[in-house]
Amino acid sequence: MNKDNIILTKSFDFALQIIELCKQMKAQNEYVISKQVLRSGTSIGANIQEATAGISKRDFTHKMSIASKEARETKYWLRLIQHSQIVDVEISNLLVQVEELIRILTSIVKTSQSSSK
């Protein structure tokens, strides 16, 4: 992992924690929402990784926008897990981390869009 690229590092570390969360959820027999949060939570970093290999500024911005949307979806699933109490897991730290990812990604997308004009 490239330690110079903070968003790559943060999204990768976040994905690892999402995987752990899903293991805990499955151990408590929750399979549907765990699959949803796994998909969106790991997709954030995958799209960021793809963006770093973008063939154009527009491609980069598009992939980062998708990563931002996936982060927002992940926030939704995490909040649903927290408020529904369908499983006994602690996710407050994950909510803080996803908020940080959303802020960083929003900033990257806005900067990319304004530099493209």
N, C-alpha and C. Protein backbone atom coordinates (compact mmCIF):
# COMPACT_ATOMS: atom_id res chain seq x y z
N MET A 1 0.85 -1.18 0.00
CA MET A 1 0.00 0.00 0.00
C MET A 1 0.89 1.24 0.00
N ASN A 2 0.55 2.18 -0.83
CA ASN A 2 1.31 3.41 -0.95
C ASN A 2 1.01 4.34 0.23
N LYS A 3 1.98 4.49 1.12
CA LYS A 3 1.77 5.30 2.33
C LYS A 3 1.65 6.79 2.01
N ASP A 4 2.08 7.21 0.81
CA ASP A 4 1.98 8.62 0.43
C ASP A 4 0.56 9.00 0.04
N ASN A 5 -0.24 8.03 -0.34
CA ASN A 5 -1.60 8.31 -0.78
C ASN A 5 -2.56 7.98 0.37
N ILE A 6 -2.91 9.01 1.12
CA ILE A 6 -3.69 8.84 2.34
C ILE A 6 -5.06 8.23 2.08
N ILE A 7 -5.71 8.61 0.99
CA ILE A 7 -7.05 8.09 0.72
C ILE A 7 -7.00 6.60 0.37
N LEU A 8 -5.95 6.18 -0.33
CA LEU A 8 -5.79 4.75 -0.61
C LEU A 8 -5.59 3.96 0.68
N THR A 9 -4.74 4.48 1.54
CA THR A 9 -4.45 3.82 2.81
C THR A 9 -5.68 3.76 3.70
N LYS A 10 -6.36 4.89 3.85
CA LYS A 10 -7.55 4.94 4.71
C LYS A 10 -8.67 4.04 4.19
N SER A 11 -8.88 4.03 2.88
CA SER A 11 -9.95 3.20 2.33
C SER A 11 -9.63 1.71 2.43
N PHE A 12 -8.36 1.36 2.30
CA PHE A 12 -7.94 -0.04 2.44
C PHE A 12 -8.12 -0.51 3.88
N ASP A 13 -7.66 0.31 4.83
CA ASP A 13 -7.81 -0.02 6.25
C ASP A 13 -9.29 -0.12 6.63
N PHE A 14 -10.10 0.78 6.08
CA PHE A 14 -11.54 0.76 6.33
C PHE A 14 -12.14 -0.54 5.80
N ALA A 15 -11.75 -0.96 4.61
CA ALA A 15 -12.27 -2.19 4.01
C ALA A 15 -11.94 -3.40 4.88
N LEU A 16 -10.74 -3.43 5.44
CA LEU A 16 -10.37 -4.53 6.33
C LEU A 16 -11.28 -4.57 7.56
N GLN A 17 -11.60 -3.41 8.09
CA GLN A 17 -12.48 -3.35 9.25
C GLN A 17 -13.92 -3.74 8.89
N ILE A 18 -14.34 -3.40 7.69
CA ILE A 18 -15.67 -3.80 7.21
C ILE A 18 -15.74 -5.32 7.09
N ILE A 19 -14.68 -5.93 6.61
CA ILE A 19 -14.63 -7.39 6.51
C ILE A 19 -14.78 -8.02 7.89
N GLU A 20 -14.09 -7.46 8.87
CA GLU A 20 -14.22 -7.95 10.25
C GLU A 20 -15.64 -7.78 10.78
N LEU A 21 -16.24 -6.64 10.51
CA LEU A 21 -17.62 -6.40 10.92
C LEU A 21 -18.54 -7.47 10.33
N CYS A 22 -18.36 -7.76 9.07
CA CYS A 22 -19.22 -8.76 8.40
C CYS A 22 -19.02 -10.14 9.00
N LYS A 23 -17.80 -10.47 9.39
CA LYS A 23 -17.57 -11.75 10.07
C LYS A 23 -18.36 -11.80 11.37
N GLN A 24 -18.34 -10.71 12.13
CA GLN A 24 -19.08 -10.64 13.39
C GLN A 24 -20.58 -10.77 13.14
N MET A 25 -21.05 -10.11 12.10
CA MET A 25 -22.48 -10.15 11.80
C MET A 25 -22.91 -11.56 11.38
N LYS A 26 -22.11 -12.20 10.57
CA LYS A 26 -22.44 -13.56 10.13
C LYS A 26 -22.40 -14.53 11.30
N ALA A 27 -21.51 -14.29 12.26
CA ALA A 27 -21.45 -15.13 13.45
C ALA A 27 -22.74 -15.00 14.27
N GLN A 28 -23.44 -13.88 14.08
CA GLN A 28 -24.73 -13.65 14.75
C GLN A 28 -25.91 -13.93 13.81
N ASN A 29 -25.62 -14.67 12.74
CA ASN A 29 -26.64 -15.11 11.77
C ASN A 29 -27.31 -13.96 11.03
N GLU A 30 -26.60 -12.92 10.75
CA GLU A 30 -27.14 -11.83 9.94
C GLU A 30 -26.37 -11.85 8.62
N TYR A 31 -27.05 -12.19 7.54
CA TYR A 31 -26.39 -12.39 6.26
C TYR A 31 -26.77 -11.36 5.20
N VAL A 32 -27.93 -10.80 5.26
CA VAL A 32 -28.41 -9.92 4.20
C VAL A 32 -27.73 -8.55 4.27
N ILE A 33 -27.86 -7.87 5.39
CA ILE A 33 -27.26 -6.54 5.50
C ILE A 33 -25.74 -6.62 5.56
N SER A 34 -25.22 -7.69 6.14
CA SER A 34 -23.76 -7.85 6.17
C SER A 34 -23.20 -7.91 4.74
N LYS A 35 -23.93 -8.56 3.86
CA LYS A 35 -23.49 -8.65 2.45
C LYS A 35 -23.53 -7.26 1.80
N GLN A 36 -24.56 -6.49 2.10
CA GLN A 36 -24.68 -5.15 1.53
C GLN A 36 -23.54 -4.23 1.99
N VAL A 37 -23.28 -4.23 3.30
CA VAL A 37 -22.23 -3.35 3.82
C VAL A 37 -20.85 -3.83 3.37
N LEU A 38 -20.68 -5.13 3.20
CA LEU A 38 -19.42 -5.65 2.68
C LEU A 38 -19.18 -5.17 1.26
N ARG A 39 -20.23 -5.25 0.44
CA ARG A 39 -20.11 -4.84 -0.95
C ARG A 39 -19.76 -3.36 -1.07
N SER A 40 -20.54 -2.52 -0.41
CA SER A 40 -20.31 -1.08 -0.56
C SER A 40 -19.04 -0.63 0.18
N GLY A 41 -18.78 -1.21 1.35
CA GLY A 41 -17.63 -0.79 2.14
C GLY A 41 -16.28 -1.13 1.53
N THR A 42 -16.22 -2.23 0.79
CA THR A 42 -14.97 -2.60 0.12
C THR A 42 -14.87 -1.96 -1.26
N SER A 43 -16.00 -1.58 -1.82
CA SER A 43 -16.02 -0.95 -3.13
C SER A 43 -15.40 0.45 -3.12
N ILE A 44 -15.44 1.10 -1.98
CA ILE A 44 -14.86 2.45 -1.87
C ILE A 44 -13.40 2.41 -2.31
N GLY A 45 -12.62 1.58 -1.67
CA GLY A 45 -11.19 1.49 -1.98
C GLY A 45 -10.91 0.95 -3.37
N ALA A 46 -11.75 0.03 -3.83
CA ALA A 46 -11.55 -0.52 -5.18
C ALA A 46 -11.70 0.57 -6.23
N ASN A 47 -12.69 1.44 -6.05
CA ASN A 47 -12.88 2.53 -7.01
C ASN A 47 -11.78 3.58 -6.90
N ILE A 48 -11.29 3.82 -5.70
CA ILE A 48 -10.17 4.76 -5.53
C ILE A 48 -8.93 4.20 -6.21
N GLN A 49 -8.69 2.91 -6.02
CA GLN A 49 -7.54 2.26 -6.66
C GLN A 49 -7.66 2.37 -8.18
N GLU A 50 -8.85 2.13 -8.69
CA GLU A 50 -9.08 2.25 -10.14
C GLU A 50 -8.86 3.68 -10.62
N ALA A 51 -9.28 4.65 -9.81
CA ALA A 51 -9.13 6.06 -10.19
C ALA A 51 -7.67 6.45 -10.34
N THR A 52 -6.82 5.86 -9.53
CA THR A 52 -5.39 6.22 -9.60
C THR A 52 -4.76 5.79 -10.92
N ALA A 53 -5.43 4.88 -11.61
CA ALA A 53 -4.94 4.43 -12.91
C ALA A 53 -5.79 5.01 -14.04
N GLY A 54 -6.55 6.04 -13.72
CA GLY A 54 -7.44 6.65 -14.71
C GLY A 54 -6.68 7.14 -15.93
N ILE A 55 -7.33 7.02 -17.08
CA ILE A 55 -6.67 7.40 -18.32
C ILE A 55 -6.84 8.89 -18.62
N SER A 56 -7.70 9.54 -17.87
CA SER A 56 -7.90 10.98 -18.06
C SER A 56 -8.38 11.59 -16.75
N LYS A 57 -8.36 12.90 -16.68
CA LYS A 57 -8.86 13.61 -15.51
C LYS A 57 -10.35 13.31 -15.32
N ARG A 58 -11.08 13.23 -16.41
CA ARG A 58 -12.51 12.93 -16.35
C ARG A 58 -12.74 11.53 -15.79
N ASP A 59 -11.95 10.55 -16.22
CA ASP A 59 -12.05 9.18 -15.72
C ASP A 59 -11.73 9.14 -14.23
N PHE A 60 -10.68 9.85 -13.82
CA PHE A 60 -10.30 9.94 -12.41
C PHE A 60 -11.46 10.49 -11.58
N THR A 61 -12.02 11.60 -12.04
CA THR A 61 -13.12 12.25 -11.31
C THR A 61 -14.33 11.33 -11.23
N HIS A 62 -14.63 10.65 -12.32
CA HIS A 62 -15.77 9.73 -12.35
C HIS A 62 -15.60 8.61 -11.31
N LYS A 63 -14.43 7.98 -11.27
CA LYS A 63 -14.19 6.88 -10.34
C LYS A 63 -14.21 7.37 -8.89
N MET A 64 -13.67 8.55 -8.66
CA MET A 64 -13.70 9.11 -7.30
C MET A 64 -15.13 9.45 -6.90
N SER A 65 -15.94 9.86 -7.86
CA SER A 65 -17.36 10.13 -7.57
C SER A 65 -18.08 8.85 -7.19
N ILE A 66 -17.77 7.78 -7.88
CA ILE A 66 -18.37 6.49 -7.54
C ILE A 66 -17.94 6.06 -6.14
N ALA A 67 -16.66 6.25 -5.82
CA ALA A 67 -16.16 5.91 -4.48
C ALA A 67 -16.91 6.72 -3.42
N SER A 68 -17.16 7.98 -3.71
CA SER A 68 -17.91 8.84 -2.78
C SER A 68 -19.33 8.32 -2.58
N LYS A 69 -19.97 7.91 -3.66
CA LYS A 69 -21.32 7.36 -3.56
C LYS A 69 -21.33 6.06 -2.75
N GLU A 70 -20.34 5.23 -2.96
CA GLU A 70 -20.24 3.97 -2.21
C GLU A 70 -20.02 4.26 -0.72
N ALA A 71 -19.25 5.29 -0.41
CA ALA A 71 -19.02 5.67 0.99
C ALA A 71 -20.33 6.11 1.63
N ARG A 72 -21.12 6.87 0.89
CA ARG A 72 -22.41 7.32 1.42
C ARG A 72 -23.38 6.14 1.60
N GLU A 73 -23.34 5.19 0.69
CA GLU A 73 -24.17 4.00 0.83
C GLU A 73 -23.74 3.20 2.06
N THR A 74 -22.44 3.08 2.24
CA THR A 74 -21.91 2.36 3.39
C THR A 74 -22.34 3.02 4.69
N LYS A 75 -22.33 4.35 4.71
CA LYS A 75 -22.80 5.09 5.89
C LYS A 75 -24.25 4.73 6.18
N TYR A 76 -25.06 4.64 5.15
CA TYR A 76 -26.47 4.27 5.32
C TYR A 76 -26.58 2.89 5.99
N TRP A 77 -25.87 1.90 5.46
CA TRP A 77 -25.95 0.55 6.01
C TRP A 77 -25.45 0.51 7.45
N LEU A 78 -24.38 1.24 7.73
CA LEU A 78 -23.86 1.28 9.10
C LEU A 78 -24.86 1.89 10.06
N ARG A 79 -25.50 2.97 9.64
CA ARG A 79 -26.52 3.60 10.48
C ARG A 79 -27.71 2.66 10.69
N LEU A 80 -28.08 1.93 9.65
CA LEU A 80 -29.17 0.98 9.76
C LEU A 80 -28.82 -0.13 10.76
N ILE A 81 -27.60 -0.63 10.69
CA ILE A 81 -27.14 -1.65 11.63
C ILE A 81 -27.20 -1.10 13.06
N GLN A 82 -26.71 0.11 13.23
CA GLN A 82 -26.66 0.73 14.55
C GLN A 82 -28.06 0.94 15.13
N HIS A 83 -28.96 1.48 14.35
CA HIS A 83 -30.27 1.84 14.87
C HIS A 83 -31.26 0.67 14.94
N SER A 84 -31.08 -0.32 14.09
CA SER A 84 -31.99 -1.47 14.12
C SER A 84 -31.62 -2.45 15.22
N GLN A 85 -30.37 -2.43 15.60
CA GLN A 85 -29.85 -3.35 16.63
C GLN A 85 -30.12 -4.81 16.28
N ILE A 86 -30.02 -5.13 14.99
CA ILE A 86 -30.24 -6.52 14.56
C ILE A 86 -29.10 -7.43 14.98
N VAL A 87 -27.95 -6.83 15.25
CA VAL A 87 -26.80 -7.58 15.75
C VAL A 87 -26.15 -6.76 16.86
N ASP A 88 -25.38 -7.42 17.67
CA ASP A 88 -24.67 -6.76 18.76
C ASP A 88 -23.22 -6.51 18.32
N VAL A 89 -23.01 -5.37 17.66
CA VAL A 89 -21.67 -4.98 17.20
C VAL A 89 -21.48 -3.50 17.48
N GLU A 90 -20.24 -3.11 17.65
CA GLU A 90 -19.90 -1.71 17.89
C GLU A 90 -19.41 -1.11 16.57
N ILE A 91 -20.12 -0.09 16.10
CA ILE A 91 -19.74 0.48 14.81
C ILE A 91 -19.51 1.98 14.84
N SER A 92 -19.49 2.58 16.02
CA SER A 92 -19.32 4.03 16.08
C SER A 92 -18.01 4.48 15.45
N ASN A 93 -16.94 3.71 15.63
CA ASN A 93 -15.66 4.05 15.02
C ASN A 93 -15.74 3.97 13.50
N LEU A 94 -16.46 2.99 12.99
CA LEU A 94 -16.62 2.87 11.53
C LEU A 94 -17.41 4.06 10.97
N LEU A 95 -18.40 4.53 11.71
CA LEU A 95 -19.15 5.70 11.27
C LEU A 95 -18.26 6.95 11.21
N VAL A 96 -17.37 7.10 12.17
CA VAL A 96 -16.43 8.22 12.15
C VAL A 96 -15.52 8.10 10.93
N GLN A 97 -15.03 6.90 10.68
CA GLN A 97 -14.12 6.69 9.55
C GLN A 97 -14.80 6.92 8.21
N VAL A 98 -16.03 6.46 8.07
CA VAL A 98 -16.72 6.64 6.79
C VAL A 98 -17.02 8.12 6.56
N GLU A 99 -17.32 8.85 7.63
CA GLU A 99 -17.53 10.31 7.50
C GLU A 99 -16.25 10.98 7.00
N GLU A 100 -15.12 10.56 7.52
CA GLU A 100 -13.84 11.12 7.08
C GLU A 100 -13.58 10.79 5.61
N LEU A 101 -13.87 9.56 5.22
CA LEU A 101 -13.70 9.18 3.81
C LEU A 101 -14.60 10.03 2.91
N ILE A 102 -15.84 10.24 3.34
CA ILE A 102 -16.77 11.06 2.56
C ILE A 102 -16.24 12.47 2.41
N ARG A 103 -15.74 13.07 3.50
CA ARG A 103 -15.19 14.43 3.42
C ARG A 103 -14.00 14.52 2.47
N ILE A 104 -13.09 13.56 2.58
CA ILE A 104 -11.91 13.56 1.71
C ILE A 104 -12.32 13.37 0.25
N LEU A 105 -13.18 12.41 0.00
CA LEU A 105 -13.60 12.14 -1.38
C LEU A 105 -14.37 13.31 -1.97
N THR A 106 -15.21 13.95 -1.19
CA THR A 106 -15.94 15.13 -1.66
C THR A 106 -14.97 16.22 -2.06
N SER A 107 -13.95 16.42 -1.25
CA SER A 107 -12.93 17.43 -1.54
C SER A 107 -12.16 17.08 -2.82
N ILE A 108 -11.80 15.83 -2.97
CA ILE A 108 -11.07 15.39 -4.18
C ILE A 108 -11.92 15.61 -5.42
N VAL A 109 -13.19 15.22 -5.36
CA VAL A 109 -14.07 15.35 -6.53
C VAL A 109 -14.26 16.83 -6.87
N LYS A 110 -14.52 17.66 -5.87
CA LYS A 110 -14.72 19.10 -6.14
C LYS A 110 -13.46 19.73 -6.73
N THR A 111 -12.30 19.38 -6.19
CA THR A 111 -11.04 19.92 -6.71
C THR A 111 -10.80 19.46 -8.13
N SER A 112 -11.07 18.18 -8.39
CA SER A 112 -10.88 17.63 -9.74
C SER A 112 -11.82 18.29 -10.75
N GLN A 113 -13.06 18.50 -10.33
CA GLN A 113 -14.03 19.13 -11.23
C GLN A 113 -13.65 20.57 -11.52
N SER A 114 -13.21 21.30 -10.51
CA SER A 114 -12.88 22.71 -10.74
C SER A 114 -11.59 22.86 -11.55
N SER A 115 -10.65 21.93 -11.41
CA SER A 115 -9.42 22.02 -12.20
C SER A 115 -9.63 21.57 -13.64
N SER A 116 -10.74 20.87 -13.88
CA SER A 116 -11.04 20.41 -15.24
C SER A 116 -11.69 21.50 -16.09
N LYS A 117 -12.20 22.53 -15.41
CA LYS A 117 -12.92 23.59 -16.14
C LYS A 117 -11.98 24.63 -16.70
